[in-house]
Amino acid sequence: DLDHPKSVLGQRLPWISKPLSRLFGHRGFTHSLLAVAAAVWGLNQSLPPDTLPMGVKDALIVGYLSHLLGDWLTPAGIPLFWPIKRRYRLPGWPLRSGGAIETGFCTLTLLVAGWWCGWRL
């Protein structure tokens, strides 16, 4: 979670993580469809063609979307339509961090992402 300063990514990129956390909090703007759209637009605008190896942009987008899907499965949910504060979550199937279901979900997501990126190469 880039918006959480104590996360693995947040500790590696504190100059991004700390301001994001202060501005939006954890699971705020960065966990919305608006943020996904902004990230995709930013990737397309800021990187000249052929800067990244083929499939890397797709992998970043799939990774971002799968992260949101994973958080959507938790009891806390995500503010999908930020700035509307309502949080959305999958009812009846709460995913707890560190459990077998989360491990299986992450493994399946990695396999799908690898297949997708391999297919696109």
PDB file of N, CA and C in Angstrom:
ATOM      1  N   ASP A   1       0.840  -1.186   0.000  1.00  0.00           N
ATOM      2  CA  ASP A   1       0.000   0.000   0.000  1.00  0.00           C
ATOM      3  C   ASP A   1       0.880   1.243   0.000  1.00  0.00           C
ATOM      4  N   LEU A   2       0.906   1.936  -1.083  1.00  0.00           N
ATOM      5  CA  LEU A   2       1.706   3.148  -1.194  1.00  0.00           C
ATOM      6  C   LEU A   2       1.198   4.246  -0.261  1.00  0.00           C
ATOM      7  N   ASP A   3      -0.080   4.198   0.114  1.00  0.00           N
ATOM      8  CA  ASP A   3      -0.640   5.225   0.983  1.00  0.00           C
ATOM      9  C   ASP A   3      -0.511   4.879   2.470  1.00  0.00           C
ATOM     10  N   HIS A   4       0.283   3.880   2.801  1.00  0.00           N
ATOM     11  CA  HIS A   4       0.512   3.475   4.186  1.00  0.00           C
ATOM     12  C   HIS A   4       2.019   3.484   4.443  1.00  0.00           C
ATOM     13  N   PRO A   5       2.529   4.493   5.200  1.00  0.00           N
ATOM     14  CA  PRO A   5       3.980   4.641   5.373  1.00  0.00           C
ATOM     15  C   PRO A   5       4.697   3.438   5.979  1.00  0.00           C
ATOM     16  N   LYS A   6       3.980   2.563   6.691  1.00  0.00           N
ATOM     17  CA  LYS A   6       4.641   1.407   7.304  1.00  0.00           C
ATOM     18  C   LYS A   6       4.576   0.157   6.426  1.00  0.00           C
ATOM     19  N   SER A   7       3.945   0.255   5.266  1.00  0.00           N
ATOM     20  CA  SER A   7       3.906  -0.887   4.348  1.00  0.00           C
ATOM     21  C   SER A   7       5.278  -1.068   3.708  1.00  0.00           C
ATOM     22  N   VAL A   8       5.482  -2.203   3.078  1.00  0.00           N
ATOM     23  CA  VAL A   8       6.770  -2.474   2.413  1.00  0.00           C
ATOM     24  C   VAL A   8       7.059  -1.386   1.378  1.00  0.00           C
ATOM     25  N   LEU A   9       6.083  -1.101   0.519  1.00  0.00           N
ATOM     26  CA  LEU A   9       6.276  -0.081  -0.516  1.00  0.00           C
ATOM     27  C   LEU A   9       6.390   1.312   0.108  1.00  0.00           C
ATOM     28  N   GLY A  10       5.577   1.577   1.130  1.00  0.00           N
ATOM     29  CA  GLY A  10       5.615   2.872   1.809  1.00  0.00           C
ATOM     30  C   GLY A  10       6.964   3.165   2.447  1.00  0.00           C
ATOM     31  N   GLN A  11       7.608   2.138   2.990  1.00  0.00           N
ATOM     32  CA  GLN A  11       8.935   2.316   3.588  1.00  0.00           C
ATOM     33  C   GLN A  11      10.000   2.557   2.532  1.00  0.00           C
ATOM     34  N   ARG A  12       9.803   2.004   1.355  1.00  0.00           N
ATOM     35  CA  ARG A  12      10.783   2.198   0.276  1.00  0.00           C
ATOM     36  C   ARG A  12      10.609   3.544  -0.421  1.00  0.00           C
ATOM     37  N   LEU A  13       9.387   4.072  -0.408  1.00  0.00           N
ATOM     38  CA  LEU A  13       9.094   5.346  -1.079  1.00  0.00           C
ATOM     39  C   LEU A  13       8.426   6.331  -0.115  1.00  0.00           C
ATOM     40  N   PRO A  14       9.111   6.686   0.982  1.00  0.00           N
ATOM     41  CA  PRO A  14       8.471   7.534   1.989  1.00  0.00           C
ATOM     42  C   PRO A  14       8.120   8.935   1.481  1.00  0.00           C
ATOM     43  N   TRP A  15       8.851   9.455   0.503  1.00  0.00           N
ATOM     44  CA  TRP A  15       8.569  10.787  -0.027  1.00  0.00           C
ATOM     45  C   TRP A  15       7.239  10.824  -0.795  1.00  0.00           C
ATOM     46  N   ILE A  16       6.753   9.656  -1.188  1.00  0.00           N
ATOM     47  CA  ILE A  16       5.428   9.563  -1.818  1.00  0.00           C
ATOM     48  C   ILE A  16       4.398   9.102  -0.787  1.00  0.00           C
ATOM     49  N   SER A  17       4.770   8.108  -0.012  1.00  0.00           N
ATOM     50  CA  SER A  17       3.838   7.479   0.920  1.00  0.00           C
ATOM     51  C   SER A  17       3.349   8.426   2.017  1.00  0.00           C
ATOM     52  N   LYS A  18       4.253   9.170   2.627  1.00  0.00           N
ATOM     53  CA  LYS A  18       3.860  10.053   3.737  1.00  0.00           C
ATOM     54  C   LYS A  18       2.908  11.156   3.291  1.00  0.00           C
ATOM     55  N   PRO A  19       3.195  11.868   2.188  1.00  0.00           N
ATOM     56  CA  PRO A  19       2.220  12.874   1.740  1.00  0.00           C
ATOM     57  C   PRO A  19       0.867  12.266   1.351  1.00  0.00           C
ATOM     58  N   LEU A  20       0.878  11.116   0.681  1.00  0.00           N
ATOM     59  CA  LEU A  20      -0.380  10.452   0.317  1.00  0.00           C
ATOM     60  C   LEU A  20      -1.184  10.100   1.564  1.00  0.00           C
ATOM     61  N   SER A  21      -0.502   9.577   2.568  1.00  0.00           N
ATOM     62  CA  SER A  21      -1.169   9.191   3.799  1.00  0.00           C
ATOM     63  C   SER A  21      -1.763  10.404   4.506  1.00  0.00           C
ATOM     64  N   ARG A  22      -1.004  11.502   4.544  1.00  0.00           N
ATOM     65  CA  ARG A  22      -1.510  12.730   5.182  1.00  0.00           C
ATOM     66  C   ARG A  22      -2.688  13.319   4.423  1.00  0.00           C
ATOM     67  N   LEU A  23      -2.615  13.328   3.109  1.00  0.00           N
ATOM     68  CA  LEU A  23      -3.678  13.927   2.301  1.00  0.00           C
ATOM     69  C   LEU A  23      -4.958  13.096   2.276  1.00  0.00           C
ATOM     70  N   PHE A  24      -4.820  11.784   2.097  1.00  0.00           N
ATOM     71  CA  PHE A  24      -5.989  10.954   1.845  1.00  0.00           C
ATOM     72  C   PHE A  24      -6.221   9.853   2.865  1.00  0.00           C
ATOM     73  N   GLY A  25      -5.217   9.549   3.694  1.00  0.00           N
ATOM     74  CA  GLY A  25      -5.343   8.440   4.618  1.00  0.00           C
ATOM     75  C   GLY A  25      -5.177   7.115   3.901  1.00  0.00           C
ATOM     76  N   HIS A  26      -5.134   6.055   4.715  1.00  0.00           N
ATOM     77  CA  HIS A  26      -5.010   4.713   4.139  1.00  0.00           C
ATOM     78  C   HIS A  26      -6.359   4.292   3.567  1.00  0.00           C
ATOM     79  N   ARG A  27      -6.319   3.720   2.395  1.00  0.00           N
ATOM     80  CA  ARG A  27      -7.516   3.299   1.663  1.00  0.00           C
ATOM     81  C   ARG A  27      -8.466   4.471   1.419  1.00  0.00           C
ATOM     82  N   GLY A  28      -7.882   5.559   0.987  1.00  0.00           N
ATOM     83  CA  GLY A  28      -8.676   6.714   0.584  1.00  0.00           C
ATOM     84  C   GLY A  28      -8.676   6.809  -0.937  1.00  0.00           C
ATOM     85  N   PHE A  29      -8.274   7.960  -1.445  1.00  0.00           N
ATOM     86  CA  PHE A  29      -8.251   8.216  -2.885  1.00  0.00           C
ATOM     87  C   PHE A  29      -7.536   7.123  -3.676  1.00  0.00           C
ATOM     88  N   THR A  30      -6.405   6.646  -3.144  1.00  0.00           N
ATOM     89  CA  THR A  30      -5.593   5.677  -3.897  1.00  0.00           C
ATOM     90  C   THR A  30      -6.284   4.332  -4.088  1.00  0.00           C
ATOM     91  N   HIS A  31      -7.382   4.119  -3.397  1.00  0.00           N
ATOM     92  CA  HIS A  31      -8.124   2.862  -3.519  1.00  0.00           C
ATOM     93  C   HIS A  31      -9.440   3.075  -4.268  1.00  0.00           C
ATOM     94  N   SER A  32      -9.439   4.005  -5.194  1.00  0.00           N
ATOM     95  CA  SER A  32     -10.653   4.331  -5.948  1.00  0.00           C
ATOM     96  C   SER A  32     -10.431   4.131  -7.443  1.00  0.00           C
ATOM     97  N   LEU A  33     -11.533   4.068  -8.163  1.00  0.00           N
ATOM     98  CA  LEU A  33     -11.437   3.967  -9.624  1.00  0.00           C
ATOM     99  C   LEU A  33     -10.837   5.234 -10.223  1.00  0.00           C
ATOM    100  N   LEU A  34     -11.073   6.373  -9.587  1.00  0.00           N
ATOM    101  CA  LEU A  34     -10.488   7.632 -10.055  1.00  0.00           C
ATOM    102  C   LEU A  34      -8.961   7.561 -10.007  1.00  0.00           C
ATOM    103  N   ALA A  35      -8.415   6.979  -8.951  1.00  0.00           N
ATOM    104  CA  ALA A  35      -6.959   6.840  -8.839  1.00  0.00           C
ATOM    105  C   ALA A  35      -6.412   5.886  -9.902  1.00  0.00           C
ATOM    106  N   VAL A  36      -7.138   4.817 -10.178  1.00  0.00           N
ATOM    107  CA  VAL A  36      -6.711   3.886 -11.224  1.00  0.00           C
ATOM    108  C   VAL A  36      -6.672   4.611 -12.569  1.00  0.00           C
ATOM    109  N   ALA A  37      -7.733   5.366 -12.858  1.00  0.00           N
ATOM    110  CA  ALA A  37      -7.781   6.122 -14.116  1.00  0.00           C
ATOM    111  C   ALA A  37      -6.626   7.123 -14.188  1.00  0.00           C
ATOM    112  N   ALA A  38      -6.355   7.808 -13.079  1.00  0.00           N
ATOM    113  CA  ALA A  38      -5.252   8.774 -13.042  1.00  0.00           C
ATOM    114  C   ALA A  38      -3.904   8.080 -13.248  1.00  0.00           C
ATOM    115  N   ALA A  39      -3.737   6.909 -12.655  1.00  0.00           N
ATOM    116  CA  ALA A  39      -2.481   6.168 -12.812  1.00  0.00           C
ATOM    117  C   ALA A  39      -2.293   5.699 -14.259  1.00  0.00           C
ATOM    118  N   VAL A  40      -3.346   5.188 -14.851  1.00  0.00           N
ATOM    119  CA  VAL A  40      -3.255   4.739 -16.250  1.00  0.00           C
ATOM    120  C   VAL A  40      -2.960   5.928 -17.153  1.00  0.00           C
ATOM    121  N   TRP A  41      -3.664   7.018 -16.942  1.00  0.00           N
ATOM    122  CA  TRP A  41      -3.428   8.232 -17.740  1.00  0.00           C
ATOM    123  C   TRP A  41      -1.985   8.712 -17.547  1.00  0.00           C
ATOM    124  N   GLY A  42      -1.524   8.738 -16.284  1.00  0.00           N
ATOM    125  CA  GLY A  42      -0.161   9.186 -15.999  1.00  0.00           C
ATOM    126  C   GLY A  42       0.888   8.305 -16.652  1.00  0.00           C
ATOM    127  N   LEU A  43       0.670   6.997 -16.626  1.00  0.00           N
ATOM    128  CA  LEU A  43       1.607   6.087 -17.298  1.00  0.00           C
ATOM    129  C   LEU A  43       1.672   6.372 -18.791  1.00  0.00           C
ATOM    130  N   ASN A  44       0.522   6.605 -19.380  1.00  0.00           N
ATOM    131  CA  ASN A  44       0.479   6.858 -20.826  1.00  0.00           C
ATOM    132  C   ASN A  44       1.035   8.222 -21.198  1.00  0.00           C
ATOM    133  N   GLN A  45       0.902   9.210 -20.321  1.00  0.00           N
ATOM    134  CA  GLN A  45       1.374  10.560 -20.622  1.00  0.00           C
ATOM    135  C   GLN A  45       2.857  10.763 -20.332  1.00  0.00           C
ATOM    136  N   SER A  46       3.338  10.127 -19.261  1.00  0.00           N
ATOM    137  CA  SER A  46       4.693  10.443 -18.805  1.00  0.00           C
ATOM    138  C   SER A  46       5.776   9.561 -19.411  1.00  0.00           C
ATOM    139  N   LEU A  47       5.386   8.453 -19.986  1.00  0.00           N
ATOM    140  CA  LEU A  47       6.399   7.556 -20.529  1.00  0.00           C
ATOM    141  C   LEU A  47       6.370   7.553 -22.049  1.00  0.00           C
ATOM    142  N   PRO A  48       7.485   7.900 -22.658  1.00  0.00           N
ATOM    143  CA  PRO A  48       7.538   7.818 -24.121  1.00  0.00           C
ATOM    144  C   PRO A  48       7.311   6.379 -24.577  1.00  0.00           C
ATOM    145  N   PRO A  49       6.807   6.206 -25.783  1.00  0.00           N
ATOM    146  CA  PRO A  49       6.604   4.845 -26.297  1.00  0.00           C
ATOM    147  C   PRO A  49       7.896   4.034 -26.233  1.00  0.00           C
ATOM    148  N   ASP A  50       7.767   2.770 -25.935  1.00  0.00           N
ATOM    149  CA  ASP A  50       8.891   1.823 -25.867  1.00  0.00           C
ATOM    150  C   ASP A  50       9.860   2.090 -24.719  1.00  0.00           C
ATOM    151  N   THR A  51       9.444   2.888 -23.704  1.00  0.00           N
ATOM    152  CA  THR A  51      10.300   3.117 -22.537  1.00  0.00           C
ATOM    153  C   THR A  51      10.350   1.869 -21.666  1.00  0.00           C
ATOM    154  N   LEU A  52       9.199   1.266 -21.463  1.00  0.00           N
ATOM    155  CA  LEU A  52       9.121   0.048 -20.657  1.00  0.00           C
ATOM    156  C   LEU A  52       9.035  -1.162 -21.583  1.00  0.00           C
ATOM    157  N   PRO A  53       9.591  -2.282 -21.140  1.00  0.00           N
ATOM    158  CA  PRO A  53       9.422  -3.503 -21.937  1.00  0.00           C
ATOM    159  C   PRO A  53       7.935  -3.815 -22.111  1.00  0.00           C
ATOM    160  N   MET A  54       7.608  -4.434 -23.222  1.00  0.00           N
ATOM    161  CA  MET A  54       6.224  -4.763 -23.523  1.00  0.00           C
ATOM    162  C   MET A  54       5.611  -5.575 -22.376  1.00  0.00           C
ATOM    163  N   GLY A  55       4.440  -5.209 -21.961  1.00  0.00           N
ATOM    164  CA  GLY A  55       3.736  -5.925 -20.905  1.00  0.00           C
ATOM    165  C   GLY A  55       3.915  -5.345 -19.515  1.00  0.00           C
ATOM    166  N   VAL A  56       4.914  -4.490 -19.295  1.00  0.00           N
ATOM    167  CA  VAL A  56       5.139  -3.944 -17.957  1.00  0.00           C
ATOM    168  C   VAL A  56       3.998  -3.014 -17.554  1.00  0.00           C
ATOM    169  N   LYS A  57       3.544  -2.158 -18.473  1.00  0.00           N
ATOM    170  CA  LYS A  57       2.393  -1.302 -18.160  1.00  0.00           C
ATOM    171  C   LYS A  57       1.182  -2.148 -17.794  1.00  0.00           C
ATOM    172  N   ASP A  58       0.942  -3.190 -18.578  1.00  0.00           N
ATOM    173  CA  ASP A  58      -0.173  -4.088 -18.283  1.00  0.00           C
ATOM    174  C   ASP A  58      -0.005  -4.713 -16.902  1.00  0.00           C
ATOM    175  N   ALA A  59       1.207  -5.138 -16.576  1.00  0.00           N
ATOM    176  CA  ALA A  59       1.457  -5.759 -15.275  1.00  0.00           C
ATOM    177  C   ALA A  59       1.198  -4.769 -14.141  1.00  0.00           C
ATOM    178  N   LEU A  60       1.613  -3.514 -14.319  1.00  0.00           N
ATOM    179  CA  LEU A  60       1.354  -2.502 -13.294  1.00  0.00           C
ATOM    180  C   LEU A  60      -0.146  -2.277 -13.105  1.00  0.00           C
ATOM    181  N   ILE A  61      -0.870  -2.214 -14.197  1.00  0.00           N
ATOM    182  CA  ILE A  61      -2.319  -1.985 -14.119  1.00  0.00           C
ATOM    183  C   ILE A  61      -3.021  -3.193 -13.501  1.00  0.00           C
ATOM    184  N   VAL A  62      -2.643  -4.397 -13.931  1.00  0.00           N
ATOM    185  CA  VAL A  62      -3.233  -5.611 -13.357  1.00  0.00           C
ATOM    186  C   VAL A  62      -2.908  -5.691 -11.865  1.00  0.00           C
ATOM    187  N   GLY A  63      -1.686  -5.345 -11.494  1.00  0.00           N
ATOM    188  CA  GLY A  63      -1.300  -5.354 -10.087  1.00  0.00           C
ATOM    189  C   GLY A  63      -2.108  -4.377  -9.264  1.00  0.00           C
ATOM    190  N   TYR A  64      -2.304  -3.176  -9.797  1.00  0.00           N
ATOM    191  CA  TYR A  64      -3.089  -2.163  -9.095  1.00  0.00           C
ATOM    192  C   TYR A  64      -4.532  -2.636  -8.925  1.00  0.00           C
ATOM    193  N   LEU A  65      -5.126  -3.115 -10.005  1.00  0.00           N
ATOM    194  CA  LEU A  65      -6.519  -3.572  -9.937  1.00  0.00           C
ATOM    195  C   LEU A  65      -6.678  -4.789  -9.019  1.00  0.00           C
ATOM    196  N   SER A  66      -5.721  -5.698  -9.043  1.00  0.00           N
ATOM    197  CA  SER A  66      -5.829  -6.871  -8.170  1.00  0.00           C
ATOM    198  C   SER A  66      -5.669  -6.469  -6.705  1.00  0.00           C
ATOM    199  N   HIS A  67      -4.859  -5.459  -6.448  1.00  0.00           N
ATOM    200  CA  HIS A  67      -4.731  -4.947  -5.077  1.00  0.00           C
ATOM    201  C   HIS A  67      -6.072  -4.385  -4.597  1.00  0.00           C
ATOM    202  N   LEU A  68      -6.717  -3.605  -5.459  1.00  0.00           N
ATOM    203  CA  LEU A  68      -8.026  -3.067  -5.088  1.00  0.00           C
ATOM    204  C   LEU A  68      -9.039  -4.184  -4.890  1.00  0.00           C
ATOM    205  N   LEU A  69      -8.999  -5.192  -5.746  1.00  0.00           N
ATOM    206  CA  LEU A  69      -9.907  -6.324  -5.597  1.00  0.00           C
ATOM    207  C   LEU A  69      -9.668  -7.029  -4.264  1.00  0.00           C
ATOM    208  N   GLY A  70      -8.417  -7.231  -3.919  1.00  0.00           N
ATOM    209  CA  GLY A  70      -8.089  -7.856  -2.638  1.00  0.00           C
ATOM    210  C   GLY A  70      -8.604  -7.052  -1.460  1.00  0.00           C
ATOM    211  N   ASP A  71      -8.438  -5.735  -1.506  1.00  0.00           N
ATOM    212  CA  ASP A  71      -8.936  -4.888  -0.420  1.00  0.00           C
ATOM    213  C   ASP A  71     -10.465  -4.822  -0.411  1.00  0.00           C
ATOM    214  N   TRP A  72     -11.079  -5.003  -1.557  1.00  0.00           N
ATOM    215  CA  TRP A  72     -12.542  -5.034  -1.653  1.00  0.00           C
ATOM    216  C   TRP A  72     -13.090  -6.264  -0.929  1.00  0.00           C
ATOM    217  N   LEU A  73     -12.280  -7.303  -0.852  1.00  0.00           N
ATOM    218  CA  LEU A  73     -12.697  -8.537  -0.190  1.00  0.00           C
ATOM    219  C   LEU A  73     -12.564  -8.474   1.329  1.00  0.00           C
ATOM    220  N   THR A  74     -11.950  -7.429   1.867  1.00  0.00           N
ATOM    221  CA  THR A  74     -11.761  -7.314   3.314  1.00  0.00           C
ATOM    222  C   THR A  74     -12.962  -6.637   3.967  1.00  0.00           C
ATOM    223  N   PRO A  75     -13.120  -6.811   5.280  1.00  0.00           N
ATOM    224  CA  PRO A  75     -14.236  -6.159   5.975  1.00  0.00           C
ATOM    225  C   PRO A  75     -14.234  -4.629   5.850  1.00  0.00           C
ATOM    226  N   ALA A  76     -13.058  -4.005   5.759  1.00  0.00           N
ATOM    227  CA  ALA A  76     -12.991  -2.535   5.673  1.00  0.00           C
ATOM    228  C   ALA A  76     -13.451  -2.015   4.311  1.00  0.00           C
ATOM    229  N   GLY A  77     -13.294  -2.801   3.258  1.00  0.00           N
ATOM    230  CA  GLY A  77     -13.712  -2.379   1.926  1.00  0.00           C
ATOM    231  C   GLY A  77     -12.873  -1.231   1.384  1.00  0.00           C
ATOM    232  N   ILE A  78     -13.349  -0.659   0.273  1.00  0.00           N
ATOM    233  CA  ILE A  78     -12.639   0.453  -0.375  1.00  0.00           C
ATOM    234  C   ILE A  78     -13.634   1.523  -0.832  1.00  0.00           C
ATOM    235  N   PRO A  79     -13.181   2.781  -0.881  1.00  0.00           N
ATOM    236  CA  PRO A  79     -14.046   3.865  -1.382  1.00  0.00           C
ATOM    237  C   PRO A  79     -13.983   3.920  -2.907  1.00  0.00           C
ATOM    238  N   LEU A  80     -14.613   2.982  -3.557  1.00  0.00           N
ATOM    239  CA  LEU A  80     -14.524   2.789  -4.998  1.00  0.00           C
ATOM    240  C   LEU A  80     -14.820   4.060  -5.795  1.00  0.00           C
ATOM    241  N   PHE A  81     -15.778   4.849  -5.321  1.00  0.00           N
ATOM    242  CA  PHE A  81     -16.194   6.050  -6.051  1.00  0.00           C
ATOM    243  C   PHE A  81     -15.775   7.324  -5.313  1.00  0.00           C
ATOM    244  N   TRP A  82     -14.572   7.307  -4.717  1.00  0.00           N
ATOM    245  CA  TRP A  82     -14.045   8.479  -4.031  1.00  0.00           C
ATOM    246  C   TRP A  82     -14.232   9.691  -4.924  1.00  0.00           C
ATOM    247  N   PRO A  83     -14.651  10.848  -4.439  1.00  0.00           N
ATOM    248  CA  PRO A  83     -14.700  11.333  -3.061  1.00  0.00           C
ATOM    249  C   PRO A  83     -15.954  10.944  -2.273  1.00  0.00           C
ATOM    250  N   ILE A  84     -16.857  10.172  -2.852  1.00  0.00           N
ATOM    251  CA  ILE A  84     -17.964   9.646  -2.057  1.00  0.00           C
ATOM    252  C   ILE A  84     -17.347   8.702  -1.032  1.00  0.00           C
ATOM    253  N   LYS A  85     -17.660   8.904   0.216  1.00  0.00           N
ATOM    254  CA  LYS A  85     -16.981   8.184   1.290  1.00  0.00           C
ATOM    255  C   LYS A  85     -17.466   6.748   1.508  1.00  0.00           C
ATOM    256  N   ARG A  86     -18.572   6.380   0.893  1.00  0.00           N
ATOM    257  CA  ARG A  86     -19.092   5.027   1.087  1.00  0.00           C
ATOM    258  C   ARG A  86     -18.056   3.998   0.650  1.00  0.00           C
ATOM    259  N   ARG A  87     -17.878   2.987   1.484  1.00  0.00           N
ATOM    260  CA  ARG A  87     -16.930   1.916   1.196  1.00  0.00           C
ATOM    261  C   ARG A  87     -17.675   0.700   0.684  1.00  0.00           C
ATOM    262  N   TYR A  88     -17.093   0.081  -0.307  1.00  0.00           N
ATOM    263  CA  TYR A  88     -17.683  -1.107  -0.900  1.00  0.00           C
ATOM    264  C   TYR A  88     -16.845  -2.317  -0.522  1.00  0.00           C
ATOM    265  N   ARG A  89     -17.513  -3.402  -0.214  1.00  0.00           N
ATOM    266  CA  ARG A  89     -16.835  -4.657   0.087  1.00  0.00           C
ATOM    267  C   ARG A  89     -17.729  -5.797  -0.344  1.00  0.00           C
ATOM    268  N   LEU A  90     -17.112  -6.936  -0.533  1.00  0.00           N
ATOM    269  CA  LEU A  90     -17.874  -8.116  -0.909  1.00  0.00           C
ATOM    270  C   LEU A  90     -18.545  -8.649   0.346  1.00  0.00           C
ATOM    271  N   PRO A  91     -19.873  -8.619   0.399  1.00  0.00           N
ATOM    272  CA  PRO A  91     -20.545  -9.088   1.615  1.00  0.00           C
ATOM    273  C   PRO A  91     -20.434 -10.605   1.766  1.00  0.00           C
ATOM    274  N   GLY A  92     -20.292 -11.019   3.017  1.00  0.00           N
ATOM    275  CA  GLY A  92     -20.311 -12.441   3.318  1.00  0.00           C
ATOM    276  C   GLY A  92     -19.012 -13.188   3.111  1.00  0.00           C
ATOM    277  N   TRP A  93     -17.966 -12.521   2.641  1.00  0.00           N
ATOM    278  CA  TRP A  93     -16.702 -13.204   2.430  1.00  0.00           C
ATOM    279  C   TRP A  93     -15.537 -12.321   2.842  1.00  0.00           C
ATOM    280  N   PRO A  94     -15.402 -12.071   4.151  1.00  0.00           N
ATOM    281  CA  PRO A  94     -14.307 -11.197   4.578  1.00  0.00           C
ATOM    282  C   PRO A  94     -12.958 -11.902   4.462  1.00  0.00           C
ATOM    283  N   LEU A  95     -12.014 -11.235   3.880  1.00  0.00           N
ATOM    284  CA  LEU A  95     -10.662 -11.755   3.710  1.00  0.00           C
ATOM    285  C   LEU A  95      -9.791 -11.172   4.805  1.00  0.00           C
ATOM    286  N   ARG A  96      -9.178 -11.996   5.581  1.00  0.00           N
ATOM    287  CA  ARG A  96      -8.292 -11.544   6.653  1.00  0.00           C
ATOM    288  C   ARG A  96      -6.842 -11.592   6.159  1.00  0.00           C
ATOM    289  N   SER A  97      -6.099 -10.553   6.525  1.00  0.00           N
ATOM    290  CA  SER A  97      -4.691 -10.493   6.115  1.00  0.00           C
ATOM    291  C   SER A  97      -3.900 -11.635   6.729  1.00  0.00           C
ATOM    292  N   GLY A  98      -3.052 -12.239   5.921  1.00  0.00           N
ATOM    293  CA  GLY A  98      -2.165 -13.279   6.404  1.00  0.00           C
ATOM    294  C   GLY A  98      -2.759 -14.675   6.436  1.00  0.00           C
ATOM    295  N   GLY A  99      -4.005 -14.836   6.053  1.00  0.00           N
ATOM    296  CA  GLY A  99      -4.648 -16.139   6.111  1.00  0.00           C
ATOM    297  C   GLY A  99      -4.463 -16.942   4.834  1.00  0.00           C
ATOM    298  N   ALA A 100      -4.991 -18.149   4.862  1.00  0.00           N
ATOM    299  CA  ALA A 100      -4.869 -19.053   3.715  1.00  0.00           C
ATOM    300  C   ALA A 100      -5.619 -18.521   2.499  1.00  0.00           C
ATOM    301  N   ILE A 101      -6.782 -17.909   2.728  1.00  0.00           N
ATOM    302  CA  ILE A 101      -7.558 -17.374   1.602  1.00  0.00           C
ATOM    303  C   ILE A 101      -6.784 -16.244   0.922  1.00  0.00           C
ATOM    304  N   GLU A 102      -6.167 -15.376   1.729  1.00  0.00           N
ATOM    305  CA  GLU A 102      -5.377 -14.290   1.134  1.00  0.00           C
ATOM    306  C   GLU A 102      -4.202 -14.852   0.340  1.00  0.00           C
ATOM    307  N   THR A 103      -3.530 -15.844   0.884  1.00  0.00           N
ATOM    308  CA  THR A 103      -2.401 -16.455   0.183  1.00  0.00           C
ATOM    309  C   THR A 103      -2.854 -17.069  -1.140  1.00  0.00           C
ATOM    310  N   GLY A 104      -3.965 -17.777  -1.105  1.00  0.00           N
ATOM    311  CA  GLY A 104      -4.507 -18.363  -2.333  1.00  0.00           C
ATOM    312  C   GLY A 104      -4.902 -17.304  -3.340  1.00  0.00           C
ATOM    313  N   PHE A 105      -5.547 -16.240  -2.867  1.00  0.00           N
ATOM    314  CA  PHE A 105      -5.944 -15.144  -3.755  1.00  0.00           C
ATOM    315  C   PHE A 105      -4.719 -14.511  -4.404  1.00  0.00           C
ATOM    316  N   CYS A 106      -3.692 -14.238  -3.607  1.00  0.00           N
ATOM    317  CA  CYS A 106      -2.473 -13.609  -4.147  1.00  0.00           C
ATOM    318  C   CYS A 106      -1.789 -14.531  -5.159  1.00  0.00           C
ATOM    319  N   THR A 107      -1.734 -15.804  -4.848  1.00  0.00           N
ATOM    320  CA  THR A 107      -1.117 -16.764  -5.768  1.00  0.00           C
ATOM    321  C   THR A 107      -1.882 -16.822  -7.087  1.00  0.00           C
ATOM    322  N   LEU A 108      -3.202 -16.913  -6.993  1.00  0.00           N
ATOM    323  CA  LEU A 108      -4.023 -16.944  -8.201  1.00  0.00           C
ATOM    324  C   LEU A 108      -3.848 -15.661  -9.007  1.00  0.00           C
ATOM    325  N   THR A 109      -3.819 -14.518  -8.329  1.00  0.00           N
ATOM    326  CA  THR A 109      -3.637 -13.243  -9.018  1.00  0.00           C
ATOM    327  C   THR A 109      -2.296 -13.190  -9.737  1.00  0.00           C
ATOM    328  N   LEU A 110      -1.243 -13.663  -9.087  1.00  0.00           N
ATOM    329  CA  LEU A 110       0.078 -13.683  -9.730  1.00  0.00           C
ATOM    330  C   LEU A 110       0.095 -14.603 -10.944  1.00  0.00           C
ATOM    331  N   LEU A 111      -0.552 -15.745 -10.834  1.00  0.00           N
ATOM    332  CA  LEU A 111      -0.613 -16.659 -11.971  1.00  0.00           C
ATOM    333  C   LEU A 111      -1.370 -16.045 -13.149  1.00  0.00           C
ATOM    334  N   VAL A 112      -2.502 -15.401 -12.851  1.00  0.00           N
ATOM    335  CA  VAL A 112      -3.280 -14.751 -13.916  1.00  0.00           C
ATOM    336  C   VAL A 112      -2.483 -13.612 -14.530  1.00  0.00           C
ATOM    337  N   ALA A 113      -1.839 -12.802 -13.689  1.00  0.00           N
ATOM    338  CA  ALA A 113      -1.042 -11.682 -14.206  1.00  0.00           C
ATOM    339  C   ALA A 113       0.114 -12.186 -15.066  1.00  0.00           C
ATOM    340  N   GLY A 114       0.784 -13.253 -14.606  1.00  0.00           N
ATOM    341  CA  GLY A 114       1.875 -13.823 -15.394  1.00  0.00           C
ATOM    342  C   GLY A 114       1.396 -14.370 -16.720  1.00  0.00           C
ATOM    343  N   TRP A 115       0.257 -15.057 -16.700  1.00  0.00           N
ATOM    344  CA  TRP A 115      -0.323 -15.573 -17.942  1.00  0.00           C
ATOM    345  C   TRP A 115      -0.677 -14.420 -18.869  1.00  0.00           C
ATOM    346  N   TRP A 116      -1.335 -13.373 -18.321  1.00  0.00           N
ATOM    347  CA  TRP A 116      -1.757 -12.236 -19.135  1.00  0.00           C
ATOM    348  C   TRP A 116      -0.547 -11.556 -19.773  1.00  0.00           C
ATOM    349  N   CYS A 117       0.460 -11.270 -18.970  1.00  0.00           N
ATOM    350  CA  CYS A 117       1.637 -10.574 -19.497  1.00  0.00           C
ATOM    351  C   CYS A 117       2.418 -11.467 -20.469  1.00  0.00           C
ATOM    352  N   GLY A 118       2.480 -12.757 -20.202  1.00  0.00           N
ATOM    353  CA  GLY A 118       3.152 -13.677 -21.103  1.00  0.00           C
ATOM    354  C   GLY A 118       2.417 -13.796 -22.439  1.00  0.00           C
ATOM    355  N   TRP A 119       1.084 -13.784 -22.368  1.00  0.00           N
ATOM    356  CA  TRP A 119       0.272 -13.859 -23.567  1.00  0.00           C
ATOM    357  C   TRP A 119       0.453 -12.608 -24.418  1.00  0.00           C
ATOM    358  N   ARG A 120       0.631 -11.459 -23.769  1.00  0.00           N
ATOM    359  CA  ARG A 120       0.749 -10.188 -24.491  1.00  0.00           C
ATOM    360  C   ARG A 120       2.135 -10.002 -25.100  1.00  0.00           C
ATOM    361  N   LEU A 121       3.135 -10.769 -24.669  1.00  0.00           N
ATOM    362  CA  LEU A 121       4.501 -10.587 -25.190  1.00  0.00           C
ATOM    363  C   LEU A 121       4.587 -11.020 -26.587  1.00  0.00           C
TER     364      LEU A 121
END
